[in-house]
Amino acid sequence: TNTPGGNISRLVANFPNFHFAEVDGTDPIASYNAM
């Protein structure tokens, strides 16, 4: 209801100069590596 398509990463993906990561935030190791 808040986010068209239900995924904010898809909406912001074309901002230049950014590093993007989408991660399972309940996975400690994956979260740490992404951070």
PDB file of all heavy atoms in Angstrom:
ATOM      1  N   THR A   1       0.823  -1.205   0.000  1.00  0.00           N
ATOM      2  CA  THR A   1       0.000   0.000   0.000  1.00  0.00           C
ATOM      3  C   THR A   1       0.858   1.256   0.000  1.00  0.00           C
ATOM      4  O   THR A   1       0.515   2.263  -0.604  1.00  0.00           O
ATOM      5  CB  THR A   1      -0.927  -0.003   1.228  1.00  0.00           C
ATOM      6  OG1 THR A   1      -1.765  -1.160   1.156  1.00  0.00           O
ATOM      7  CG2 THR A   1      -1.798   1.237   1.279  1.00  0.00           C
ATOM      8  N   ASN A   2       1.990   1.198   0.672  1.00  0.00           N
ATOM      9  CA  ASN A   2       2.911   2.330   0.721  1.00  0.00           C
ATOM     10  C   ASN A   2       3.789   2.425  -0.513  1.00  0.00           C
ATOM     11  O   ASN A   2       4.076   3.519  -1.005  1.00  0.00           O
ATOM     12  CB  ASN A   2       3.824   2.210   1.948  1.00  0.00           C
ATOM     13  CG  ASN A   2       3.225   2.852   3.184  1.00  0.00           C
ATOM     14  OD1 ASN A   2       2.962   4.044   3.200  1.00  0.00           O
ATOM     15  ND2 ASN A   2       2.998   2.049   4.215  1.00  0.00           N
ATOM     16  N   THR A   3       4.240   1.285  -1.016  1.00  0.00           N
ATOM     17  CA  THR A   3       5.291   1.257  -2.030  1.00  0.00           C
ATOM     18  C   THR A   3       4.781   0.606  -3.302  1.00  0.00           C
ATOM     19  O   THR A   3       4.436  -0.582  -3.288  1.00  0.00           O
ATOM     20  CB  THR A   3       6.509   0.462  -1.510  1.00  0.00           C
ATOM     21  OG1 THR A   3       6.903   0.994  -0.236  1.00  0.00           O
ATOM     22  CG2 THR A   3       7.669   0.540  -2.484  1.00  0.00           C
ATOM     23  N   PRO A   4       4.732   1.334  -4.415  1.00  0.00           N
ATOM     24  CA  PRO A   4       4.298   0.718  -5.670  1.00  0.00           C
ATOM     25  C   PRO A   4       5.154  -0.513  -6.004  1.00  0.00           C
ATOM     26  O   PRO A   4       6.376  -0.441  -6.040  1.00  0.00           O
ATOM     27  CB  PRO A   4       4.520   1.834  -6.700  1.00  0.00           C
ATOM     28  CG  PRO A   4       4.429   3.102  -5.909  1.00  0.00           C
ATOM     29  CD  PRO A   4       5.027   2.776  -4.571  1.00  0.00           C
ATOM     30  N   GLY A   5       4.489  -1.618  -6.200  1.00  0.00           N
ATOM     31  CA  GLY A   5       5.215  -2.858  -6.474  1.00  0.00           C
ATOM     32  C   GLY A   5       5.685  -3.568  -5.232  1.00  0.00           C
ATOM     33  O   GLY A   5       6.171  -4.700  -5.311  1.00  0.00           O
ATOM     34  N   GLY A   6       5.589  -2.913  -4.085  1.00  0.00           N
ATOM     35  CA  GLY A   6       5.930  -3.573  -2.830  1.00  0.00           C
ATOM     36  C   GLY A   6       7.406  -3.691  -2.529  1.00  0.00           C
ATOM     37  O   GLY A   6       7.788  -4.370  -1.568  1.00  0.00           O
ATOM     38  N   ASN A   7       8.275  -3.031  -3.325  1.00  0.00           N
ATOM     39  CA  ASN A   7       9.715  -3.177  -3.091  1.00  0.00           C
ATOM     40  C   ASN A   7      10.422  -1.860  -3.392  1.00  0.00           C
ATOM     41  O   ASN A   7      10.523  -1.446  -4.546  1.00  0.00           O
ATOM     42  CB  ASN A   7      10.285  -4.297  -3.969  1.00  0.00           C
ATOM     43  CG  ASN A   7      11.733  -4.598  -3.651  1.00  0.00           C
ATOM     44  OD1 ASN A   7      12.598  -3.733  -3.741  1.00  0.00           O
ATOM     45  ND2 ASN A   7      12.013  -5.843  -3.297  1.00  0.00           N
ATOM     46  N   ILE A   8      10.930  -1.199  -2.362  1.00  0.00           N
ATOM     47  CA  ILE A   8      11.548   0.120  -2.533  1.00  0.00           C
ATOM     48  C   ILE A   8      12.838   0.039  -3.338  1.00  0.00           C
ATOM     49  O   ILE A   8      13.208   0.997  -4.037  1.00  0.00           O
ATOM     50  CB  ILE A   8      11.792   0.783  -1.150  1.00  0.00           C
ATOM     51  CG1 ILE A   8      12.218   2.245  -1.316  1.00  0.00           C
ATOM     52  CG2 ILE A   8      12.807   0.006  -0.336  1.00  0.00           C
ATOM     53  CD1 ILE A   8      11.197   3.126  -1.978  1.00  0.00           C
ATOM     54  N   SER A   9      13.538  -1.088  -3.293  1.00  0.00           N
ATOM     55  CA  SER A   9      14.794  -1.205  -4.042  1.00  0.00           C
ATOM     56  C   SER A   9      14.577  -1.044  -5.540  1.00  0.00           C
ATOM     57  O   SER A   9      15.409  -0.459  -6.238  1.00  0.00           O
ATOM     58  CB  SER A   9      15.468  -2.556  -3.760  1.00  0.00           C
ATOM     59  OG  SER A   9      16.057  -2.557  -2.478  1.00  0.00           O
ATOM     60  N   ARG A  10      13.471  -1.549  -6.023  1.00  0.00           N
ATOM     61  CA  ARG A  10      13.198  -1.423  -7.464  1.00  0.00           C
ATOM     62  C   ARG A  10      12.938   0.026  -7.852  1.00  0.00           C
ATOM     63  O   ARG A  10      13.223   0.439  -8.973  1.00  0.00           O
ATOM     64  CB  ARG A  10      11.992  -2.285  -7.841  1.00  0.00           C
ATOM     65  CG  ARG A  10      12.243  -3.778  -7.690  1.00  0.00           C
ATOM     66  CD  ARG A  10      11.004  -4.594  -8.024  1.00  0.00           C
ATOM     67  NE  ARG A  10      11.126  -5.942  -7.492  1.00  0.00           N
ATOM     68  CZ  ARG A  10      10.114  -6.683  -7.092  1.00  0.00           C
ATOM     69  NH1 ARG A  10       8.875  -6.201  -7.167  1.00  0.00           N
ATOM     70  NH2 ARG A  10      10.306  -7.896  -6.621  1.00  0.00           N
ATOM     71  N   LEU A  11      12.378   0.814  -6.926  1.00  0.00           N
ATOM     72  CA  LEU A  11      12.042   2.196  -7.251  1.00  0.00           C
ATOM     73  C   LEU A  11      13.262   3.110  -7.256  1.00  0.00           C
ATOM     74  O   LEU A  11      13.304   4.088  -7.993  1.00  0.00           O
ATOM     75  CB  LEU A  11      11.008   2.734  -6.254  1.00  0.00           C
ATOM     76  CG  LEU A  11       9.672   1.988  -6.177  1.00  0.00           C
ATOM     77  CD1 LEU A  11       8.718   2.734  -5.254  1.00  0.00           C
ATOM     78  CD2 LEU A  11       9.035   1.832  -7.556  1.00  0.00           C
ATOM     79  N   VAL A  12      14.253   2.819  -6.423  1.00  0.00           N
ATOM     80  CA  VAL A  12      15.400   3.729  -6.303  1.00  0.00           C
ATOM     81  C   VAL A  12      16.590   3.294  -7.152  1.00  0.00           C
ATOM     82  O   VAL A  12      17.617   3.977  -7.176  1.00  0.00           O
ATOM     83  CB  VAL A  12      15.846   3.844  -4.824  1.00  0.00           C
ATOM     84  CG1 VAL A  12      14.709   4.325  -3.950  1.00  0.00           C
ATOM     85  CG2 VAL A  12      16.415   2.536  -4.304  1.00  0.00           C
ATOM     86  N   ALA A  13      16.463   2.204  -7.872  1.00  0.00           N
ATOM     87  CA  ALA A  13      17.621   1.566  -8.507  1.00  0.00           C
ATOM     88  C   ALA A  13      18.342   2.444  -9.527  1.00  0.00           C
ATOM     89  O   ALA A  13      19.514   2.191  -9.834  1.00  0.00           O
ATOM     90  CB  ALA A  13      17.184   0.259  -9.175  1.00  0.00           C
ATOM     91  N   ASN A  14      17.691   3.448 -10.063  1.00  0.00           N
ATOM     92  CA  ASN A  14      18.335   4.263 -11.106  1.00  0.00           C
ATOM     93  C   ASN A  14      18.980   5.547 -10.589  1.00  0.00           C
ATOM     94  O   ASN A  14      19.459   6.354 -11.389  1.00  0.00           O
ATOM     95  CB  ASN A  14      17.320   4.598 -12.202  1.00  0.00           C
ATOM     96  CG  ASN A  14      17.005   3.393 -13.067  1.00  0.00           C
ATOM     97  OD1 ASN A  14      17.869   2.552 -13.311  1.00  0.00           O
ATOM     98  ND2 ASN A  14      15.764   3.288 -13.504  1.00  0.00           N
ATOM     99  N   PHE A  15      19.007   5.754  -9.260  1.00  0.00           N
ATOM    100  CA  PHE A  15      19.754   6.901  -8.744  1.00  0.00           C
ATOM    101  C   PHE A  15      21.236   6.698  -9.030  1.00  0.00           C
ATOM    102  O   PHE A  15      21.813   5.669  -8.661  1.00  0.00           O
ATOM    103  CB  PHE A  15      19.545   7.046  -7.237  1.00  0.00           C
ATOM    104  CG  PHE A  15      18.335   7.840  -6.854  1.00  0.00           C
ATOM    105  CD1 PHE A  15      17.144   7.210  -6.543  1.00  0.00           C
ATOM    106  CD2 PHE A  15      18.383   9.223  -6.805  1.00  0.00           C
ATOM    107  CE1 PHE A  15      16.019   7.940  -6.183  1.00  0.00           C
ATOM    108  CE2 PHE A  15      17.267   9.969  -6.442  1.00  0.00           C
ATOM    109  CZ  PHE A  15      16.077   9.328  -6.140  1.00  0.00           C
ATOM    110  N   PRO A  16      21.894   7.669  -9.656  1.00  0.00           N
ATOM    111  CA  PRO A  16      23.324   7.499  -9.942  1.00  0.00           C
ATOM    112  C   PRO A  16      24.179   7.637  -8.685  1.00  0.00           C
ATOM    113  O   PRO A  16      23.754   8.203  -7.677  1.00  0.00           O
ATOM    114  CB  PRO A  16      23.618   8.632 -10.929  1.00  0.00           C
ATOM    115  CG  PRO A  16      22.559   9.639 -10.704  1.00  0.00           C
ATOM    116  CD  PRO A  16      21.340   8.896 -10.239  1.00  0.00           C
ATOM    117  N   ASN A  17      25.370   7.096  -8.759  1.00  0.00           N
ATOM    118  CA  ASN A  17      26.432   7.200  -7.744  1.00  0.00           C
ATOM    119  C   ASN A  17      26.183   6.357  -6.501  1.00  0.00           C
ATOM    120  O   ASN A  17      26.994   6.375  -5.573  1.00  0.00           O
ATOM    121  CB  ASN A  17      26.650   8.663  -7.316  1.00  0.00           C
ATOM    122  CG  ASN A  17      27.005   9.562  -8.481  1.00  0.00           C
ATOM    123  OD1 ASN A  17      27.797   9.180  -9.340  1.00  0.00           O
ATOM    124  ND2 ASN A  17      26.418  10.754  -8.533  1.00  0.00           N
ATOM    125  N   PHE A  18      25.090   5.612  -6.463  1.00  0.00           N
ATOM    126  CA  PHE A  18      24.751   4.803  -5.290  1.00  0.00           C
ATOM    127  C   PHE A  18      25.332   3.391  -5.391  1.00  0.00           C
ATOM    128  O   PHE A  18      25.447   2.823  -6.475  1.00  0.00           O
ATOM    129  CB  PHE A  18      23.232   4.668  -5.166  1.00  0.00           C
ATOM    130  CG  PHE A  18      22.593   5.640  -4.214  1.00  0.00           C
ATOM    131  CD1 PHE A  18      22.175   6.886  -4.655  1.00  0.00           C
ATOM    132  CD2 PHE A  18      22.390   5.302  -2.888  1.00  0.00           C
ATOM    133  CE1 PHE A  18      21.565   7.782  -3.787  1.00  0.00           C
ATOM    134  CE2 PHE A  18      21.782   6.185  -2.010  1.00  0.00           C
ATOM    135  CZ  PHE A  18      21.367   7.430  -2.455  1.00  0.00           C
ATOM    136  N   HIS A  19      25.650   2.839  -4.234  1.00  0.00           N
ATOM    137  CA  HIS A  19      25.829   1.397  -4.081  1.00  0.00           C
ATOM    138  C   HIS A  19      24.530   0.839  -3.510  1.00  0.00           C
ATOM    139  O   HIS A  19      24.026   1.343  -2.504  1.00  0.00           O
ATOM    140  CB  HIS A  19      26.988   1.098  -3.121  1.00  0.00           C
ATOM    141  CG  HIS A  19      27.047  -0.335  -2.673  1.00  0.00           C
ATOM    142  ND1 HIS A  19      27.694  -1.311  -3.390  1.00  0.00           N
ATOM    143  CD2 HIS A  19      26.528  -0.954  -1.576  1.00  0.00           C
ATOM    144  CE1 HIS A  19      27.591  -2.472  -2.761  1.00  0.00           C
ATOM    145  NE2 HIS A  19      26.885  -2.284  -1.659  1.00  0.00           N
ATOM    146  N   PHE A  20      23.980  -0.191  -4.135  1.00  0.00           N
ATOM    147  CA  PHE A  20      22.710  -0.764  -3.683  1.00  0.00           C
ATOM    148  C   PHE A  20      22.910  -2.195  -3.205  1.00  0.00           C
ATOM    149  O   PHE A  20      23.689  -2.962  -3.798  1.00  0.00           O
ATOM    150  CB  PHE A  20      21.686  -0.771  -4.823  1.00  0.00           C
ATOM    151  CG  PHE A  20      21.221   0.603  -5.224  1.00  0.00           C
ATOM    152  CD1 PHE A  20      21.679   1.190  -6.392  1.00  0.00           C
ATOM    153  CD2 PHE A  20      20.338   1.314  -4.425  1.00  0.00           C
ATOM    154  CE1 PHE A  20      21.260   2.456  -6.766  1.00  0.00           C
ATOM    155  CE2 PHE A  20      19.909   2.578  -4.788  1.00  0.00           C
ATOM    156  CZ  PHE A  20      20.371   3.158  -5.959  1.00  0.00           C
ATOM    157  N   ALA A  21      22.191  -2.540  -2.141  1.00  0.00           N
ATOM    158  CA  ALA A  21      22.183  -3.928  -1.676  1.00  0.00           C
ATOM    159  C   ALA A  21      20.804  -4.232  -1.113  1.00  0.00           C
ATOM    160  O   ALA A  21      20.222  -3.411  -0.390  1.00  0.00           O
ATOM    161  CB  ALA A  21      23.243  -4.145  -0.607  1.00  0.00           C
ATOM    162  N   GLU A  22      20.293  -5.383  -1.465  1.00  0.00           N
ATOM    163  CA  GLU A  22      19.039  -5.880  -0.890  1.00  0.00           C
ATOM    164  C   GLU A  22      19.367  -7.197  -0.220  1.00  0.00           C
ATOM    165  O   GLU A  22      19.971  -8.085  -0.840  1.00  0.00           O
ATOM    166  CB  GLU A  22      17.974  -6.058  -1.968  1.00  0.00           C
ATOM    167  CG  GLU A  22      16.606  -6.397  -1.419  1.00  0.00           C
ATOM    168  CD  GLU A  22      15.523  -6.405  -2.493  1.00  0.00           C
ATOM    169  OE1 GLU A  22      15.848  -6.199  -3.683  1.00  0.00           O
ATOM    170  OE2 GLU A  22      14.343  -6.616  -2.142  1.00  0.00           O
ATOM    171  N   VAL A  23      18.998  -7.327   1.053  1.00  0.00           N
ATOM    172  CA  VAL A  23      19.512  -8.443   1.833  1.00  0.00           C
ATOM    173  C   VAL A  23      18.436  -8.966   2.775  1.00  0.00           C
ATOM    174  O   VAL A  23      17.519  -8.235   3.165  1.00  0.00           O
ATOM    175  CB  VAL A  23      20.769  -7.984   2.628  1.00  0.00           C
ATOM    176  CG1 VAL A  23      20.396  -6.928   3.672  1.00  0.00           C
ATOM    177  CG2 VAL A  23      21.490  -9.146   3.288  1.00  0.00           C
ATOM    178  N   ASP A  24      18.550 -10.249   3.117  1.00  0.00           N
ATOM    179  CA  ASP A  24      17.720 -10.835   4.164  1.00  0.00           C
ATOM    180  C   ASP A  24      18.240 -10.305   5.495  1.00  0.00           C
ATOM    181  O   ASP A  24      19.281 -10.741   5.995  1.00  0.00           O
ATOM    182  CB  ASP A  24      17.816 -12.359   4.119  1.00  0.00           C
ATOM    183  CG  ASP A  24      16.987 -13.031   5.206  1.00  0.00           C
ATOM    184  OD1 ASP A  24      16.425 -12.319   6.070  1.00  0.00           O
ATOM    185  OD2 ASP A  24      16.913 -14.281   5.209  1.00  0.00           O
ATOM    186  N   GLY A  25      17.528  -9.341   6.066  1.00  0.00           N
ATOM    187  CA  GLY A  25      17.986  -8.693   7.283  1.00  0.00           C
ATOM    188  C   GLY A  25      17.853  -9.530   8.531  1.00  0.00           C
ATOM    189  O   GLY A  25      18.250  -9.084   9.611  1.00  0.00           O
ATOM    190  N   THR A  26      17.326 -10.735   8.405  1.00  0.00           N
ATOM    191  CA  THR A  26      17.309 -11.650   9.548  1.00  0.00           C
ATOM    192  C   THR A  26      18.510 -12.586   9.527  1.00  0.00           C
ATOM    193  O   THR A  26      18.686 -13.387  10.448  1.00  0.00           O
ATOM    194  CB  THR A  26      16.015 -12.480   9.567  1.00  0.00           C
ATOM    195  OG1 THR A  26      15.996 -13.371   8.438  1.00  0.00           O
ATOM    196  CG2 THR A  26      14.785 -11.589   9.545  1.00  0.00           C
ATOM    197  N   ASP A  27      19.328 -12.493   8.485  1.00  0.00           N
ATOM    198  CA  ASP A  27      20.539 -13.311   8.349  1.00  0.00           C
ATOM    199  C   ASP A  27      21.732 -12.469   8.807  1.00  0.00           C
ATOM    200  O   ASP A  27      22.141 -11.529   8.113  1.00  0.00           O
ATOM    201  CB  ASP A  27      20.708 -13.730   6.892  1.00  0.00           C
ATOM    202  CG  ASP A  27      21.917 -14.625   6.670  1.00  0.00           C
ATOM    203  OD1 ASP A  27      22.904 -14.495   7.425  1.00  0.00           O
ATOM    204  OD2 ASP A  27      21.901 -15.430   5.720  1.00  0.00           O
ATOM    205  N   PRO A  28      22.310 -12.760   9.959  1.00  0.00           N
ATOM    206  CA  PRO A  28      23.380 -11.912  10.489  1.00  0.00           C
ATOM    207  C   PRO A  28      24.602 -11.830   9.571  1.00  0.00           C
ATOM    208  O   PRO A  28      25.156 -10.735   9.380  1.00  0.00           O
ATOM    209  CB  PRO A  28      23.739 -12.582  11.817  1.00  0.00           C
ATOM    210  CG  PRO A  28      22.535 -13.386  12.191  1.00  0.00           C
ATOM    211  CD  PRO A  28      21.936 -13.841  10.895  1.00  0.00           C
ATOM    212  N   ILE A  29      25.013 -12.926   9.003  1.00  0.00           N
ATOM    213  CA  ILE A  29      26.231 -12.924   8.186  1.00  0.00           C
ATOM    214  C   ILE A  29      25.994 -12.169   6.881  1.00  0.00           C
ATOM    215  O   ILE A  29      26.807 -11.333   6.470  1.00  0.00           O
ATOM    216  CB  ILE A  29      26.710 -14.365   7.900  1.00  0.00           C
ATOM    217  CG1 ILE A  29      26.887 -15.135   9.219  1.00  0.00           C
ATOM    218  CG2 ILE A  29      28.004 -14.333   7.110  1.00  0.00           C
ATOM    219  CD1 ILE A  29      27.776 -14.465  10.232  1.00  0.00           C
ATOM    220  N   ALA A  30      24.871 -12.432   6.231  1.00  0.00           N
ATOM    221  CA  ALA A  30      24.561 -11.722   4.993  1.00  0.00           C
ATOM    222  C   ALA A  30      24.413 -10.223   5.269  1.00  0.00           C
ATOM    223  O   ALA A  30      24.866  -9.382   4.475  1.00  0.00           O
ATOM    224  CB  ALA A  30      23.277 -12.282   4.386  1.00  0.00           C
ATOM    225  N   SER A  31      23.803  -9.885   6.391  1.00  0.00           N
ATOM    226  CA  SER A  31      23.623  -8.470   6.741  1.00  0.00           C
ATOM    227  C   SER A  31      24.973  -7.800   6.972  1.00  0.00           C
ATOM    228  O   SER A  31      25.218  -6.676   6.502  1.00  0.00           O
ATOM    229  CB  SER A  31      22.755  -8.339   7.994  1.00  0.00           C
ATOM    230  OG  SER A  31      21.449  -8.804   7.757  1.00  0.00           O
ATOM    231  N   TYR A  32      25.857  -8.492   7.692  1.00  0.00           N
ATOM    232  CA  TYR A  32      27.165  -7.897   7.977  1.00  0.00           C
ATOM    233  C   TYR A  32      27.957  -7.703   6.689  1.00  0.00           C
ATOM    234  O   TYR A  32      28.553  -6.641   6.463  1.00  0.00           O
ATOM    235  CB  TYR A  32      27.942  -8.778   8.955  1.00  0.00           C
ATOM    236  CG  TYR A  32      29.308  -8.220   9.274  1.00  0.00           C
ATOM    237  CD1 TYR A  32      29.446  -7.129  10.121  1.00  0.00           C
ATOM    238  CD2 TYR A  32      30.454  -8.766   8.713  1.00  0.00           C
ATOM    239  CE1 TYR A  32      30.690  -6.588  10.410  1.00  0.00           C
ATOM    240  CE2 TYR A  32      31.706  -8.240   8.995  1.00  0.00           C
ATOM    241  CZ  TYR A  32      31.819  -7.148   9.845  1.00  0.00           C
ATOM    242  OH  TYR A  32      33.057  -6.624  10.114  1.00  0.00           O
ATOM    243  N   ASN A  33      27.965  -8.695   5.841  1.00  0.00           N
ATOM    244  CA  ASN A  33      28.710  -8.569   4.585  1.00  0.00           C
ATOM    245  C   ASN A  33      28.172  -7.411   3.746  1.00  0.00           C
ATOM    246  O   ASN A  33      28.933  -6.644   3.149  1.00  0.00           O
ATOM    247  CB  ASN A  33      28.632  -9.877   3.795  1.00  0.00           C
ATOM    248  CG  ASN A  33      29.414 -10.996   4.469  1.00  0.00           C
ATOM    249  OD1 ASN A  33      30.295 -10.741   5.302  1.00  0.00           O
ATOM    250  ND2 ASN A  33      29.097 -12.243   4.133  1.00  0.00           N
ATOM    251  N   ALA A  34      26.851  -7.265   3.715  1.00  0.00           N
ATOM    252  CA  ALA A  34      26.242  -6.162   2.958  1.00  0.00           C
ATOM    253  C   ALA A  34      26.627  -4.815   3.554  1.00  0.00           C
ATOM    254  O   ALA A  34      26.924  -3.852   2.819  1.00  0.00           O
ATOM    255  CB  ALA A  34      24.724  -6.318   2.938  1.00  0.00           C
ATOM    256  N   MET A  35      26.623  -4.713   4.871  1.00  0.00           N
ATOM    257  CA  MET A  35      26.959  -3.448   5.524  1.00  0.00           C
ATOM    258  C   MET A  35      28.431  -3.089   5.327  1.00  0.00           C
ATOM    259  O   MET A  35      28.772  -1.922   5.089  1.00  0.00           O
ATOM    260  CB  MET A  35      26.634  -3.516   7.020  1.00  0.00           C
ATOM    261  CG  MET A  35      25.160  -3.537   7.326  1.00  0.00           C
ATOM    262  SD  MET A  35      24.300  -2.018   6.813  1.00  0.00           S
ATOM    263  CE  MET A  35      22.634  -2.392   7.374  1.00  0.00           C
TER     264      MET A  35
END
